[in-house]
Structure formats: C-alpha cells, structure tokens
Amino acid sequence: MAMLLIEAVAATGTTRPVQVFASDVDDRALEAGRAGVYAASIAEAISADRLERFFTKQGQKYKVTKQLRAAVVFSRQDLIADPPFRSLTWSVAATC
C-alpha cells in the first residue's frame, strides 16, 4: 500500500508525506514488519522498478528503503478487545 501511495503522490508532481498505519495483534508480525527484511524470492512478485526503488539487496535478502520504512507506522491493535473508531457514528445521506 505504501509503495502504491508513494508512486501515486509522485505521479501528481507534488511532494506530500505518505503515512500508512499497519496494525496487528501479533507482536512478532509487527517486529517482522518493522524490520522490513524480505527473502530474495520477493523479486518474483515485485516489478524490477519497484524492487530497485523501494528495496536494497543485502546478501540473500532485500531490505526496504528508508523512504518506504518511514511511510509505515506499526502499532499493536487487538480489534476484538479494542476496536478502532468505536465511538464513531455512521450516517448515510441518500441523494437523488
């Protein structure tokens, strides 16, 4: 998501900060996300352009660039115990 947003903002010719909030209840998953280190096999799933722009090769792994890492904030969130936006009320206005 962060890569797509960074690319979309760049395509507008403006400079705006991109911030994605990533949450999980699993602390190990959050630590893996924060580390931003991926197996070399991601090269099969990511275009060469994105791989070059958003990752640096470190041995047999790829690490996200500082730009991409700075765009994502990781936070522990248990959606069952502490649902987000619970005080938010929803309203739908019908227009004809």
PDB file of N, CA and C in Angstrom:
ATOM      1  N   MET A   1       0.821  -1.181   0.000  1.00  0.00           N
ATOM      2  CA  MET A   1       0.000   0.000   0.000  1.00  0.00           C
ATOM      3  C   MET A   1       0.870   1.251   0.000  1.00  0.00           C
ATOM      4  N   ALA A   2       1.881   1.251   0.842  1.00  0.00           N
ATOM      5  CA  ALA A   2       2.740   2.433   0.926  1.00  0.00           C
ATOM      6  C   ALA A   2       3.453   2.689  -0.401  1.00  0.00           C
ATOM      7  N   MET A   3       3.915   1.629  -1.054  1.00  0.00           N
ATOM      8  CA  MET A   3       4.582   1.811  -2.348  1.00  0.00           C
ATOM      9  C   MET A   3       3.627   2.445  -3.355  1.00  0.00           C
ATOM     10  N   LEU A   4       2.408   1.947  -3.406  1.00  0.00           N
ATOM     11  CA  LEU A   4       1.423   2.480  -4.350  1.00  0.00           C
ATOM     12  C   LEU A   4       1.100   3.936  -4.047  1.00  0.00           C
ATOM     13  N   LEU A   5       0.951   4.263  -2.777  1.00  0.00           N
ATOM     14  CA  LEU A   5       0.654   5.649  -2.412  1.00  0.00           C
ATOM     15  C   LEU A   5       1.821   6.579  -2.738  1.00  0.00           C
ATOM     16  N   ILE A   6       3.030   6.144  -2.465  1.00  0.00           N
ATOM     17  CA  ILE A   6       4.215   6.950  -2.787  1.00  0.00           C
ATOM     18  C   ILE A   6       4.271   7.192  -4.287  1.00  0.00           C
ATOM     19  N   GLU A   7       4.017   6.157  -5.074  1.00  0.00           N
ATOM     20  CA  GLU A   7       4.029   6.300  -6.532  1.00  0.00           C
ATOM     21  C   GLU A   7       2.915   7.236  -7.005  1.00  0.00           C
ATOM     22  N   ALA A   8       1.731   7.113  -6.414  1.00  0.00           N
ATOM     23  CA  ALA A   8       0.608   7.959  -6.819  1.00  0.00           C
ATOM     24  C   ALA A   8       0.879   9.427  -6.508  1.00  0.00           C
ATOM     25  N   VAL A   9       1.442   9.699  -5.346  1.00  0.00           N
ATOM     26  CA  VAL A   9       1.772  11.081  -4.988  1.00  0.00           C
ATOM     27  C   VAL A   9       2.844  11.617  -5.932  1.00  0.00           C
ATOM     28  N   ALA A  10       3.850  10.822  -6.221  1.00  0.00           N
ATOM     29  CA  ALA A  10       4.921  11.256  -7.132  1.00  0.00           C
ATOM     30  C   ALA A  10       4.362  11.551  -8.521  1.00  0.00           C
ATOM     31  N   ALA A  11       3.368  10.795  -8.952  1.00  0.00           N
ATOM     32  CA  ALA A  11       2.778  10.991 -10.279  1.00  0.00           C
ATOM     33  C   ALA A  11       2.040  12.320 -10.389  1.00  0.00           C
ATOM     34  N   THR A  12       1.630  12.886  -9.263  1.00  0.00           N
ATOM     35  CA  THR A  12       0.930  14.175  -9.289  1.00  0.00           C
ATOM     36  C   THR A  12       1.900  15.341  -9.429  1.00  0.00           C
ATOM     37  N   GLY A  13       3.181  15.076  -9.246  1.00  0.00           N
ATOM     38  CA  GLY A  13       4.174  16.134  -9.341  1.00  0.00           C
ATOM     39  C   GLY A  13       4.284  16.958  -8.072  1.00  0.00           C
ATOM     40  N   THR A  14       3.607  16.540  -7.024  1.00  0.00           N
ATOM     41  CA  THR A  14       3.687  17.256  -5.753  1.00  0.00           C
ATOM     42  C   THR A  14       4.503  16.445  -4.761  1.00  0.00           C
ATOM     43  N   THR A  15       4.871  17.082  -3.693  1.00  0.00           N
ATOM     44  CA  THR A  15       5.557  16.373  -2.616  1.00  0.00           C
ATOM     45  C   THR A  15       4.683  16.442  -1.373  1.00  0.00           C
ATOM     46  N   ARG A  16       4.144  15.336  -1.019  1.00  0.00           N
ATOM     47  CA  ARG A  16       3.319  15.225   0.180  1.00  0.00           C
ATOM     48  C   ARG A  16       3.774  13.985   0.937  1.00  0.00           C
ATOM     49  N   PRO A  17       3.742  14.070   2.248  1.00  0.00           N
ATOM     50  CA  PRO A  17       4.133  12.885   3.014  1.00  0.00           C
ATOM     51  C   PRO A  17       3.074  11.795   2.902  1.00  0.00           C
ATOM     52  N   VAL A  18       3.530  10.563   2.867  1.00  0.00           N
ATOM     53  CA  VAL A  18       2.641   9.407   2.845  1.00  0.00           C
ATOM     54  C   VAL A  18       2.787   8.704   4.180  1.00  0.00           C
ATOM     55  N   GLN A  19       1.652   8.381   4.811  1.00  0.00           N
ATOM     56  CA  GLN A  19       1.693   7.685   6.091  1.00  0.00           C
ATOM     57  C   GLN A  19       0.651   6.578   6.075  1.00  0.00           C
ATOM     58  N   VAL A  20       1.106   5.349   6.260  1.00  0.00           N
ATOM     59  CA  VAL A  20       0.242   4.177   6.328  1.00  0.00           C
ATOM     60  C   VAL A  20       0.350   3.613   7.735  1.00  0.00           C
ATOM     61  N   PHE A  21      -0.793   3.300   8.322  1.00  0.00           N
ATOM     62  CA  PHE A  21      -0.806   2.722   9.668  1.00  0.00           C
ATOM     63  C   PHE A  21      -1.053   1.224   9.547  1.00  0.00           C
ATOM     64  N   ALA A  22      -0.111   0.444  10.043  1.00  0.00           N
ATOM     65  CA  ALA A  22      -0.194  -1.013   9.993  1.00  0.00           C
ATOM     66  C   ALA A  22      -0.357  -1.524  11.417  1.00  0.00           C
ATOM     67  N   SER A  23      -1.388  -2.320  11.628  1.00  0.00           N
ATOM     68  CA  SER A  23      -1.607  -2.829  12.976  1.00  0.00           C
ATOM     69  C   SER A  23      -1.814  -4.335  12.950  1.00  0.00           C
ATOM     70  N   ASP A  24      -1.501  -4.962  14.084  1.00  0.00           N
ATOM     71  CA  ASP A  24      -1.675  -6.399  14.239  1.00  0.00           C
ATOM     72  C   ASP A  24      -1.696  -6.691  15.726  1.00  0.00           C
ATOM     73  N   VAL A  25      -2.281  -7.805  16.096  1.00  0.00           N
ATOM     74  CA  VAL A  25      -2.285  -8.229  17.485  1.00  0.00           C
ATOM     75  C   VAL A  25      -1.016  -9.030  17.808  1.00  0.00           C
ATOM     76  N   ASP A  26      -0.355  -9.541  16.776  1.00  0.00           N
ATOM     77  CA  ASP A  26       0.822 -10.393  16.920  1.00  0.00           C
ATOM     78  C   ASP A  26       2.097  -9.549  16.950  1.00  0.00           C
ATOM     79  N   ASP A  27       2.742  -9.509  18.099  1.00  0.00           N
ATOM     80  CA  ASP A  27       3.965  -8.715  18.247  1.00  0.00           C
ATOM     81  C   ASP A  27       5.081  -9.181  17.320  1.00  0.00           C
ATOM     82  N   ARG A  28       5.170 -10.492  17.064  1.00  0.00           N
ATOM     83  CA  ARG A  28       6.206 -10.998  16.155  1.00  0.00           C
ATOM     84  C   ARG A  28       5.977 -10.501  14.730  1.00  0.00           C
ATOM     85  N   ALA A  29       4.726 -10.441  14.324  1.00  0.00           N
ATOM     86  CA  ALA A  29       4.413  -9.922  12.984  1.00  0.00           C
ATOM     87  C   ALA A  29       4.783  -8.451  12.886  1.00  0.00           C
ATOM     88  N   LEU A  30       4.526  -7.697  13.942  1.00  0.00           N
ATOM     89  CA  LEU A  30       4.883  -6.276  13.954  1.00  0.00           C
ATOM     90  C   LEU A  30       6.394  -6.087  13.880  1.00  0.00           C
ATOM     91  N   GLU A  31       7.127  -6.896  14.627  1.00  0.00           N
ATOM     92  CA  GLU A  31       8.594  -6.796  14.592  1.00  0.00           C
ATOM     93  C   GLU A  31       9.130  -7.144  13.205  1.00  0.00           C
ATOM     94  N   ALA A  32       8.550  -8.147  12.561  1.00  0.00           N
ATOM     95  CA  ALA A  32       8.973  -8.508  11.204  1.00  0.00           C
ATOM     96  C   ALA A  32       8.688  -7.357  10.244  1.00  0.00           C
ATOM     97  N   GLY A  33       7.527  -6.741  10.393  1.00  0.00           N
ATOM     98  CA  GLY A  33       7.187  -5.601   9.546  1.00  0.00           C
ATOM     99  C   GLY A  33       8.114  -4.431   9.784  1.00  0.00           C
ATOM    100  N   ARG A  34       8.391  -4.152  11.036  1.00  0.00           N
ATOM    101  CA  ARG A  34       9.297  -3.043  11.366  1.00  0.00           C
ATOM    102  C   ARG A  34      10.694  -3.277  10.810  1.00  0.00           C
ATOM    103  N   ALA A  35      11.141  -4.522  10.841  1.00  0.00           N
ATOM    104  CA  ALA A  35      12.480  -4.848  10.337  1.00  0.00           C
ATOM    105  C   ALA A  35      12.557  -4.617   8.832  1.00  0.00           C
ATOM    106  N   GLY A  36      11.475  -4.918   8.128  1.00  0.00           N
ATOM    107  CA  GLY A  36      11.434  -4.668   6.688  1.00  0.00           C
ATOM    108  C   GLY A  36      12.414  -5.488   5.881  1.00  0.00           C
ATOM    109  N   VAL A  37      12.667  -6.713   6.293  1.00  0.00           N
ATOM    110  CA  VAL A  37      13.599  -7.593   5.600  1.00  0.00           C
ATOM    111  C   VAL A  37      12.812  -8.742   4.978  1.00  0.00           C
ATOM    112  N   TYR A  38      13.058  -8.991   3.686  1.00  0.00           N
ATOM    113  CA  TYR A  38      12.309  -9.996   2.943  1.00  0.00           C
ATOM    114  C   TYR A  38      13.251 -10.944   2.219  1.00  0.00           C
ATOM    115  N   ALA A  39      12.778 -12.154   2.001  1.00  0.00           N
ATOM    116  CA  ALA A  39      13.550 -13.162   1.268  1.00  0.00           C
ATOM    117  C   ALA A  39      13.749 -12.709  -0.173  1.00  0.00           C
ATOM    118  N   ALA A  40      14.797 -13.225  -0.794  1.00  0.00           N
ATOM    119  CA  ALA A  40      15.115 -12.867  -2.180  1.00  0.00           C
ATOM    120  C   ALA A  40      13.982 -13.227  -3.127  1.00  0.00           C
ATOM    121  N   SER A  41      13.104 -14.128  -2.722  1.00  0.00           N
ATOM    122  CA  SER A  41      12.004 -14.557  -3.584  1.00  0.00           C
ATOM    123  C   SER A  41      10.996 -13.445  -3.871  1.00  0.00           C
ATOM    124  N   ILE A  42      11.072 -12.324  -3.148  1.00  0.00           N
ATOM    125  CA  ILE A  42      10.141 -11.226  -3.460  1.00  0.00           C
ATOM    126  C   ILE A  42      10.404 -10.675  -4.860  1.00  0.00           C
ATOM    127  N   ALA A  43      11.600 -10.923  -5.382  1.00  0.00           N
ATOM    128  CA  ALA A  43      11.936 -10.444  -6.728  1.00  0.00           C
ATOM    129  C   ALA A  43      11.016 -11.062  -7.775  1.00  0.00           C
ATOM    130  N   GLU A  44      10.404 -12.189  -7.462  1.00  0.00           N
ATOM    131  CA  GLU A  44       9.465 -12.835  -8.379  1.00  0.00           C
ATOM    132  C   GLU A  44       8.089 -12.183  -8.336  1.00  0.00           C
ATOM    133  N   ALA A  45       7.776 -11.477  -7.243  1.00  0.00           N
ATOM    134  CA  ALA A  45       6.441 -10.914  -7.052  1.00  0.00           C
ATOM    135  C   ALA A  45       6.377  -9.404  -7.230  1.00  0.00           C
ATOM    136  N   ILE A  46       7.531  -8.756  -7.260  1.00  0.00           N
ATOM    137  CA  ILE A  46       7.590  -7.302  -7.353  1.00  0.00           C
ATOM    138  C   ILE A  46       8.295  -6.915  -8.646  1.00  0.00           C
ATOM    139  N   SER A  47       7.792  -5.889  -9.293  1.00  0.00           N
ATOM    140  CA  SER A  47       8.423  -5.451 -10.546  1.00  0.00           C
ATOM    141  C   SER A  47       9.861  -5.007 -10.276  1.00  0.00           C
ATOM    142  N   ALA A  48      10.674  -5.104 -11.303  1.00  0.00           N
ATOM    143  CA  ALA A  48      12.079  -4.700 -11.185  1.00  0.00           C
ATOM    144  C   ALA A  48      12.191  -3.230 -10.795  1.00  0.00           C
ATOM    145  N   ASP A  49      11.302  -2.395 -11.317  1.00  0.00           N
ATOM    146  CA  ASP A  49      11.331  -0.967 -10.979  1.00  0.00           C
ATOM    147  C   ASP A  49      11.065  -0.742  -9.490  1.00  0.00           C
ATOM    148  N   ARG A  50      10.036  -1.401  -8.977  1.00  0.00           N
ATOM    149  CA  ARG A  50       9.727  -1.247  -7.541  1.00  0.00           C
ATOM    150  C   ARG A  50      10.811  -1.851  -6.677  1.00  0.00           C
ATOM    151  N   LEU A  51      11.351  -2.967  -7.092  1.00  0.00           N
ATOM    152  CA  LEU A  51      12.423  -3.602  -6.330  1.00  0.00           C
ATOM    153  C   LEU A  51      13.616  -2.666  -6.218  1.00  0.00           C
ATOM    154  N   GLU A  52      13.957  -2.008  -7.319  1.00  0.00           N
ATOM    155  CA  GLU A  52      15.091  -1.082  -7.320  1.00  0.00           C
ATOM    156  C   GLU A  52      14.786   0.174  -6.509  1.00  0.00           C
ATOM    157  N   ARG A  53      13.567   0.653  -6.597  1.00  0.00           N
ATOM    158  CA  ARG A  53      13.202   1.909  -5.937  1.00  0.00           C
ATOM    159  C   ARG A  53      12.993   1.764  -4.431  1.00  0.00           C
ATOM    160  N   PHE A  54      12.401   0.658  -4.003  1.00  0.00           N
ATOM    161  CA  PHE A  54      11.971   0.533  -2.614  1.00  0.00           C
ATOM    162  C   PHE A  54      12.737  -0.475  -1.773  1.00  0.00           C
ATOM    163  N   PHE A  55      13.728  -1.166  -2.365  1.00  0.00           N
ATOM    164  CA  PHE A  55      14.472  -2.185  -1.625  1.00  0.00           C
ATOM    165  C   PHE A  55      15.955  -2.100  -1.940  1.00  0.00           C
ATOM    166  N   THR A  56      16.766  -2.529  -0.993  1.00  0.00           N
ATOM    167  CA  THR A  56      18.196  -2.697  -1.230  1.00  0.00           C
ATOM    168  C   THR A  56      18.541  -4.150  -0.929  1.00  0.00           C
ATOM    169  N   LYS A  57      19.374  -4.730  -1.766  1.00  0.00           N
ATOM    170  CA  LYS A  57      19.753  -6.129  -1.578  1.00  0.00           C
ATOM    171  C   LYS A  57      20.836  -6.213  -0.515  1.00  0.00           C
ATOM    172  N   GLN A  58      20.620  -7.121   0.418  1.00  0.00           N
ATOM    173  CA  GLN A  58      21.590  -7.362   1.484  1.00  0.00           C
ATOM    174  C   GLN A  58      21.809  -8.861   1.576  1.00  0.00           C
ATOM    175  N   GLY A  59      22.855  -9.318   0.912  1.00  0.00           N
ATOM    176  CA  GLY A  59      23.113 -10.758   0.865  1.00  0.00           C
ATOM    177  C   GLY A  59      22.021 -11.454   0.074  1.00  0.00           C
ATOM    178  N   GLN A  60      21.359 -12.408   0.695  1.00  0.00           N
ATOM    179  CA  GLN A  60      20.280 -13.156   0.059  1.00  0.00           C
ATOM    180  C   GLN A  60      18.901 -12.591   0.397  1.00  0.00           C
ATOM    181  N   LYS A  61      18.852 -11.385   0.926  1.00  0.00           N
ATOM    182  CA  LYS A  61      17.587 -10.776   1.338  1.00  0.00           C
ATOM    183  C   LYS A  61      17.461  -9.368   0.773  1.00  0.00           C
ATOM    184  N   TYR A  62      16.271  -8.836   0.876  1.00  0.00           N
ATOM    185  CA  TYR A  62      16.009  -7.450   0.491  1.00  0.00           C
ATOM    186  C   TYR A  62      15.492  -6.699   1.702  1.00  0.00           C
ATOM    187  N   LYS A  63      15.954  -5.469   1.854  1.00  0.00           N
ATOM    188  CA  LYS A  63      15.504  -4.609   2.953  1.00  0.00           C
ATOM    189  C   LYS A  63      14.838  -3.376   2.365  1.00  0.00           C
ATOM    190  N   VAL A  64      13.728  -2.961   2.987  1.00  0.00           N
ATOM    191  CA  VAL A  64      13.028  -1.782   2.486  1.00  0.00           C
ATOM    192  C   VAL A  64      13.903  -0.546   2.664  1.00  0.00           C
ATOM    193  N   THR A  65      13.726   0.418   1.769  1.00  0.00           N
ATOM    194  CA  THR A  65      14.478   1.668   1.861  1.00  0.00           C
ATOM    195  C   THR A  65      13.962   2.512   3.023  1.00  0.00           C
ATOM    196  N   LYS A  66      14.739   3.496   3.404  1.00  0.00           N
ATOM    197  CA  LYS A  66      14.331   4.400   4.482  1.00  0.00           C
ATOM    198  C   LYS A  66      13.039   5.127   4.126  1.00  0.00           C
ATOM    199  N   GLN A  67      12.891   5.501   2.865  1.00  0.00           N
ATOM    200  CA  GLN A  67      11.680   6.210   2.438  1.00  0.00           C
ATOM    201  C   GLN A  67      10.440   5.350   2.671  1.00  0.00           C
ATOM    202  N   LEU A  68      10.500   4.091   2.277  1.00  0.00           N
ATOM    203  CA  LEU A  68       9.349   3.211   2.449  1.00  0.00           C
ATOM    204  C   LEU A  68       9.112   2.915   3.922  1.00  0.00           C
ATOM    205  N   ARG A  69      10.164   2.635   4.654  1.00  0.00           N
ATOM    206  CA  ARG A  69      10.017   2.324   6.095  1.00  0.00           C
ATOM    207  C   ARG A  69       9.426   3.509   6.843  1.00  0.00           C
ATOM    208  N   ALA A  70       9.831   4.725   6.503  1.00  0.00           N
ATOM    209  CA  ALA A  70       9.328   5.924   7.183  1.00  0.00           C
ATOM    210  C   ALA A  70       7.856   6.175   6.875  1.00  0.00           C
ATOM    211  N   ALA A  71       7.366   5.599   5.807  1.00  0.00           N
ATOM    212  CA  ALA A  71       5.970   5.821   5.417  1.00  0.00           C
ATOM    213  C   ALA A  71       4.997   4.918   6.170  1.00  0.00           C
ATOM    214  N   VAL A  72       5.515   3.947   6.927  1.00  0.00           N
ATOM    215  CA  VAL A  72       4.638   2.997   7.611  1.00  0.00           C
ATOM    216  C   VAL A  72       4.864   3.063   9.120  1.00  0.00           C
ATOM    217  N   VAL A  73       3.767   3.230   9.843  1.00  0.00           N
ATOM    218  CA  VAL A  73       3.794   3.228  11.309  1.00  0.00           C
ATOM    219  C   VAL A  73       3.166   1.921  11.774  1.00  0.00           C
ATOM    220  N   PHE A  74       3.900   1.159  12.579  1.00  0.00           N
ATOM    221  CA  PHE A  74       3.421  -0.122  13.077  1.00  0.00           C
ATOM    222  C   PHE A  74       2.931   0.035  14.508  1.00  0.00           C
ATOM    223  N   SER A  75       1.774  -0.561  14.781  1.00  0.00           N
ATOM    224  CA  SER A  75       1.190  -0.437  16.117  1.00  0.00           C
ATOM    225  C   SER A  75       0.427  -1.699  16.473  1.00  0.00           C
ATOM    226  N   ARG A  76       0.504  -2.086  17.733  1.00  0.00           N
ATOM    227  CA  ARG A  76      -0.257  -3.252  18.201  1.00  0.00           C
ATOM    228  C   ARG A  76      -1.716  -2.848  18.335  1.00  0.00           C
ATOM    229  N   GLN A  77      -2.586  -3.668  17.784  1.00  0.00           N
ATOM    230  CA  GLN A  77      -4.027  -3.377  17.839  1.00  0.00           C
ATOM    231  C   GLN A  77      -4.779  -4.696  17.888  1.00  0.00           C
ATOM    232  N   ASP A  78      -5.564  -4.874  18.930  1.00  0.00           N
ATOM    233  CA  ASP A  78      -6.437  -6.034  19.054  1.00  0.00           C
ATOM    234  C   ASP A  78      -7.843  -5.564  18.712  1.00  0.00           C
ATOM    235  N   LEU A  79      -8.304  -5.904  17.534  1.00  0.00           N
ATOM    236  CA  LEU A  79      -9.599  -5.416  17.062  1.00  0.00           C
ATOM    237  C   LEU A  79     -10.771  -5.941  17.887  1.00  0.00           C
ATOM    238  N   ILE A  80     -10.593  -7.076  18.571  1.00  0.00           N
ATOM    239  CA  ILE A  80     -11.662  -7.621  19.408  1.00  0.00           C
ATOM    240  C   ILE A  80     -11.718  -6.881  20.748  1.00  0.00           C
ATOM    241  N   ALA A  81     -10.573  -6.731  21.398  1.00  0.00           N
ATOM    242  CA  ALA A  81     -10.531  -6.100  22.718  1.00  0.00           C
ATOM    243  C   ALA A  81     -10.622  -4.579  22.655  1.00  0.00           C
ATOM    244  N   ASP A  82     -10.099  -3.993  21.591  1.00  0.00           N
ATOM    245  CA  ASP A  82     -10.058  -2.540  21.493  1.00  0.00           C
ATOM    246  C   ASP A  82     -10.358  -2.102  20.065  1.00  0.00           C
ATOM    247  N   PRO A  83     -11.613  -2.224  19.636  1.00  0.00           N
ATOM    248  CA  PRO A  83     -11.930  -1.883  18.246  1.00  0.00           C
ATOM    249  C   PRO A  83     -11.702  -0.404  17.964  1.00  0.00           C
ATOM    250  N   PRO A  84     -11.144  -0.100  16.792  1.00  0.00           N
ATOM    251  CA  PRO A  84     -10.942   1.309  16.442  1.00  0.00           C
ATOM    252  C   PRO A  84     -12.270   1.955  16.095  1.00  0.00           C
ATOM    253  N   PHE A  85     -12.337   3.227  16.276  1.00  0.00           N
ATOM    254  CA  PHE A  85     -13.496   4.015  15.873  1.00  0.00           C
ATOM    255  C   PHE A  85     -14.794   3.577  16.556  1.00  0.00           C
ATOM    256  N   ARG A  86     -14.726   3.010  17.743  1.00  0.00           N
ATOM    257  CA  ARG A  86     -15.954   2.523  18.373  1.00  0.00           C
ATOM    258  C   ARG A  86     -16.903   3.649  18.735  1.00  0.00           C
ATOM    259  N   SER A  87     -16.402   4.853  18.896  1.00  0.00           N
ATOM    260  CA  SER A  87     -17.287   5.965  19.230  1.00  0.00           C
ATOM    261  C   SER A  87     -17.780   6.696  17.979  1.00  0.00           C
ATOM    262  N   LEU A  88     -17.342   6.224  16.837  1.00  0.00           N
ATOM    263  CA  LEU A  88     -17.736   6.859  15.588  1.00  0.00           C
ATOM    264  C   LEU A  88     -19.150   6.413  15.214  1.00  0.00           C
ATOM    265  N   THR A  89     -19.992   7.365  14.905  1.00  0.00           N
ATOM    266  CA  THR A  89     -21.338   7.026  14.460  1.00  0.00           C
ATOM    267  C   THR A  89     -21.393   7.197  12.952  1.00  0.00           C
ATOM    268  N   TRP A  90     -22.070   6.309  12.314  1.00  0.00           N
ATOM    269  CA  TRP A  90     -22.162   6.317  10.862  1.00  0.00           C
ATOM    270  C   TRP A  90     -23.507   6.847  10.448  1.00  0.00           C
ATOM    271  N   SER A  91     -23.509   7.668   9.450  1.00  0.00           N
ATOM    272  CA  SER A  91     -24.767   8.125   8.885  1.00  0.00           C
ATOM    273  C   SER A  91     -24.629   8.115   7.373  1.00  0.00           C
ATOM    274  N   VAL A  92     -25.713   7.790   6.735  1.00  0.00           N
ATOM    275  CA  VAL A  92     -25.713   7.734   5.277  1.00  0.00           C
ATOM    276  C   VAL A  92     -26.785   8.684   4.791  1.00  0.00           C
ATOM    277  N   ALA A  93     -26.398   9.573   3.927  1.00  0.00           N
ATOM    278  CA  ALA A  93     -27.359  10.519   3.343  1.00  0.00           C
ATOM    279  C   ALA A  93     -27.673  10.060   1.935  1.00  0.00           C
ATOM    280  N   ALA A  94     -28.945   9.902   1.661  1.00  0.00           N
ATOM    281  CA  ALA A  94     -29.364   9.484   0.334  1.00  0.00           C
ATOM    282  C   ALA A  94     -29.582  10.708  -0.529  1.00  0.00           C
ATOM    283  N   THR A  95     -29.071  10.653  -1.724  1.00  0.00           N
ATOM    284  CA  THR A  95     -29.276  11.756  -2.665  1.00  0.00           C
ATOM    285  C   THR A  95     -29.916  11.200  -3.916  1.00  0.00           C
ATOM    286  N   CYS A  96     -30.781  11.954  -4.520  1.00  0.00           N
ATOM    287  CA  CYS A  96     -31.440  11.516  -5.757  1.00  0.00           C
ATOM    288  C   CYS A  96     -31.077  12.427  -6.888  1.00  0.00           C
TER     289      CYS A  96
END
